[in-house]
Amino acid sequence: ASIGVTGRESEIQNASKEKVIDLVTAKVQQALASLEDRLSIDLFASTQASKKIQTLVTMIDATSTIGDINSTTNSFWQSVVTASGSFAAQGLSDLRANWNNVSRVNPRGTPDFIMSDQTNFERYEATVLPHLRIQNEQMGDLGFTSLKFKGATWTFDTNATAAVIYLLNSQRLKLYV
């Protein structure tokens, strides 16, 4: 993202030394927020657009070819995919089974990051909430920005694929530019 500061903004509207720094900081924060939004949209796109980041949808697919590795002919490259029923009926059992399957296929590390849509995040939160024990009564805030499942941080993204829960190992994902 490019960040532009005009002479008028820096010299007239923000004349003091401190104001110029505040203006640049604000513009950098706006640019970072725009990049985060763009990355989120591209990461969860149903297909990879030209010159865009490889999407999770195509990377984590039972039949994808990434680089020169075809997951159809190379079973070690196949992702673990489970078509599940309702989260209330079998969500936790499917989640546990997939966790174990992913961990078995990848003995070098278990998932450490879980990404889902907001609906599945809230369903999991609803199953965890009855087991919550508040130890500090003065800080009885029951809202969570992220949850844990077997030590992995679970969060949601507004652009995430609906009804899909990704179990990811961050040490196995790299961003190459």
Protein backbone atom coordinates (compact mmCIF):
# COMPACT_ATOMS: atom_id res chain seq x y z
CA ALA A 1 0.00 0.00 0.00
CA SER A 2 1.25 3.43 -0.73
CA ILE A 3 1.04 6.23 1.79
CA GLY A 4 0.94 9.78 0.58
CA VAL A 5 1.35 12.93 2.59
CA THR A 6 0.93 16.20 0.74
CA GLY A 7 2.89 19.31 1.56
CA ARG A 8 -0.33 20.99 2.55
CA GLU A 9 -1.13 18.25 5.08
CA SER A 10 2.32 18.19 6.62
CA GLU A 11 3.20 21.90 6.51
CA ILE A 12 -0.06 23.76 7.00
CA GLN A 13 -2.64 21.47 8.60
CA ASN A 14 -0.14 19.73 10.88
CA ALA A 15 2.48 22.39 11.39
CA SER A 16 4.05 21.21 14.62
CA LYS A 17 6.61 18.40 14.69
CA GLU A 18 4.35 16.15 16.77
CA LYS A 19 1.35 16.55 14.45
CA VAL A 20 3.33 15.36 11.40
CA ILE A 21 4.27 12.18 13.26
CA ASP A 22 0.61 11.67 14.29
CA LEU A 23 -0.50 12.15 10.67
CA VAL A 24 2.01 9.64 9.32
CA THR A 25 1.17 7.14 12.07
CA ALA A 26 -2.54 7.45 11.27
CA LYS A 27 -1.91 6.96 7.54
CA VAL A 28 0.28 3.90 8.20
CA GLN A 29 -2.44 2.41 10.42
CA GLN A 30 -5.04 3.02 7.69
CA ALA A 31 -2.80 1.37 5.10
CA LEU A 32 -2.22 -1.65 7.36
CA ALA A 33 -5.97 -2.03 7.94
CA SER A 34 -6.57 -1.91 4.18
CA LEU A 35 -3.89 -4.56 3.60
CA GLU A 36 -5.35 -6.80 6.32
CA ASP A 37 -8.78 -6.56 4.68
CA ARG A 38 -7.36 -7.31 1.23
CA LEU A 39 -5.37 -10.28 2.56
CA SER A 40 -8.46 -11.67 4.30
CA ILE A 41 -10.57 -11.36 1.15
CA ASP A 42 -7.89 -12.99 -1.04
CA LEU A 43 -7.10 -15.73 1.49
CA PHE A 44 -10.69 -16.97 1.56
CA ALA A 45 -11.55 -16.46 -2.11
CA SER A 46 -13.08 -19.53 -3.75
CA THR A 47 -10.50 -19.42 -6.55
CA GLN A 48 -7.10 -17.81 -6.85
CA ALA A 49 -7.09 -14.67 -8.95
CA SER A 50 -4.11 -13.80 -11.12
CA LYS A 51 -1.20 -12.40 -9.09
CA LYS A 52 -3.03 -12.90 -5.79
CA ILE A 53 -2.14 -14.93 -2.74
CA GLN A 54 -2.83 -18.67 -2.86
CA THR A 55 -6.20 -19.16 -1.17
CA LEU A 56 -6.78 -21.43 1.82
CA VAL A 57 -9.72 -22.89 -0.08
CA THR A 58 -7.41 -24.22 -2.81
CA MET A 59 -4.43 -25.01 -0.56
CA ILE A 60 -6.47 -27.06 1.86
CA ASP A 61 -8.37 -29.23 -0.55
CA ALA A 62 -8.31 -32.97 -1.03
CA THR A 63 -7.53 -32.69 -4.75
CA SER A 64 -5.36 -29.57 -5.12
CA THR A 65 -2.01 -29.32 -6.84
CA ILE A 66 0.29 -26.88 -5.05
CA GLY A 67 3.56 -26.19 -6.81
CA ASP A 68 4.30 -29.50 -8.52
CA ILE A 69 2.76 -31.68 -5.81
CA ASN A 70 -0.54 -33.25 -6.77
CA SER A 71 -2.48 -34.32 -3.68
CA THR A 72 -4.50 -36.84 -5.68
CA THR A 73 -1.39 -38.92 -6.44
CA ASN A 74 0.63 -37.96 -3.32
CA SER A 75 -1.37 -38.98 -0.26
CA PHE A 76 1.02 -37.17 2.12
CA TRP A 77 -0.16 -33.89 0.58
CA GLN A 78 -3.88 -34.55 1.00
CA SER A 79 -5.73 -32.49 3.52
CA VAL A 80 -8.10 -34.05 6.01
CA VAL A 81 -11.64 -33.08 5.08
CA THR A 82 -14.75 -34.17 6.95
CA ALA A 83 -18.25 -33.31 5.80
CA SER A 84 -20.09 -32.94 9.08
CA GLY A 85 -23.66 -32.56 10.21
CA SER A 86 -24.75 -29.91 12.66
CA PHE A 87 -22.18 -28.59 15.12
CA ALA A 88 -24.54 -29.24 18.02
CA ALA A 89 -24.93 -32.92 17.10
CA GLN A 90 -21.39 -33.88 16.12
CA GLY A 91 -19.23 -30.77 15.86
CA LEU A 92 -16.98 -31.48 18.84
CA SER A 93 -16.55 -35.15 18.02
CA ASP A 94 -15.69 -34.32 14.39
CA LEU A 95 -13.33 -31.59 15.57
CA ARG A 96 -11.53 -34.02 17.90
CA ALA A 97 -11.32 -36.69 15.19
CA ASN A 98 -9.96 -34.24 12.63
CA TRP A 99 -7.47 -32.89 15.15
CA ASN A 100 -6.16 -36.39 15.73
CA ASN A 101 -6.13 -37.21 11.99
CA VAL A 102 -4.23 -34.03 11.15
CA SER A 103 -1.78 -34.67 13.99
CA ARG A 104 -1.24 -38.27 12.86
CA VAL A 105 -0.58 -37.24 9.24
CA ASN A 106 1.81 -34.50 10.34
CA PRO A 107 3.94 -35.95 13.15
CA ARG A 108 6.12 -32.84 13.22
CA GLY A 109 3.46 -30.73 14.83
CA THR A 110 -0.18 -30.40 15.71
CA PRO A 111 -2.37 -27.52 14.59
CA ASP A 112 -1.71 -24.34 16.54
CA PHE A 113 -4.22 -22.04 14.85
CA ILE A 114 -7.89 -22.57 14.07
CA MET A 115 -9.78 -20.29 11.71
CA SER A 116 -13.49 -20.48 11.01
CA ASP A 117 -16.48 -18.42 10.12
CA GLN A 118 -18.23 -16.47 12.87
CA THR A 119 -21.09 -18.98 13.16
CA ASN A 120 -18.84 -21.95 14.00
CA PHE A 121 -16.75 -19.80 16.35
CA GLU A 122 -19.92 -18.86 18.24
CA ARG A 123 -21.11 -22.48 18.28
CA TYR A 124 -17.84 -23.59 19.84
CA GLU A 125 -17.96 -20.69 22.29
CA ALA A 126 -21.47 -21.77 23.30
CA THR A 127 -20.20 -25.28 24.09
CA VAL A 128 -17.29 -23.91 26.13
CA LEU A 129 -19.21 -21.22 28.03
CA PRO A 130 -21.10 -23.57 30.41
CA HIS A 131 -17.74 -24.92 31.61
CA LEU A 132 -16.34 -21.46 32.35
CA ARG A 133 -15.18 -20.75 35.89
CA ILE A 134 -14.58 -17.13 36.85
CA GLN A 135 -11.67 -16.80 39.23
CA ASN A 136 -11.58 -13.01 39.41
CA GLU A 137 -15.07 -11.71 40.18
CA GLN A 138 -14.07 -8.11 39.46
CA MET A 139 -13.18 -9.09 35.91
CA GLY A 140 -16.29 -11.08 35.02
CA ASP A 141 -16.18 -10.13 31.33
CA LEU A 142 -17.53 -13.17 29.47
CA GLY A 143 -16.55 -12.01 25.99
CA PHE A 144 -13.65 -13.65 24.18
CA THR A 145 -11.76 -12.42 21.13
CA SER A 146 -10.22 -15.86 20.67
CA LEU A 147 -10.77 -19.30 22.15
CA LYS A 148 -8.54 -22.34 22.64
CA PHE A 149 -8.98 -25.92 21.52
CA LYS A 150 -6.24 -28.34 22.62
CA GLY A 151 -3.90 -25.38 23.00
CA ALA A 152 -4.56 -23.94 19.53
CA THR A 153 -5.88 -20.40 19.26
CA TRP A 154 -9.28 -20.26 17.55
CA THR A 155 -10.56 -17.08 15.97
CA PHE A 156 -12.92 -16.19 13.14
CA ASP A 157 -12.73 -14.03 10.05
CA THR A 158 -15.69 -12.31 8.44
CA ASN A 159 -14.45 -13.49 5.02
CA ALA A 160 -13.89 -17.12 6.07
CA THR A 161 -15.66 -19.83 4.14
CA ALA A 162 -19.06 -20.51 5.68
CA ALA A 163 -19.38 -23.77 7.64
CA VAL A 164 -15.64 -24.57 7.34
CA ILE A 165 -13.20 -24.89 10.24
CA TYR A 166 -9.50 -24.81 9.29
CA LEU A 167 -7.01 -26.56 11.59
CA LEU A 168 -3.68 -25.00 10.66
CA ASN A 169 -0.07 -25.47 11.67
CA SER A 170 1.52 -22.02 11.35
CA GLN A 171 5.00 -23.55 11.11
CA ARG A 172 3.93 -25.29 7.88
CA LEU A 173 2.52 -22.18 6.21
CA LYS A 174 4.86 -19.61 4.70
CA LEU A 175 4.31 -16.39 2.82
CA TYR A 176 6.64 -15.98 -0.13
CA VAL A 177 6.66 -12.77 -2.12
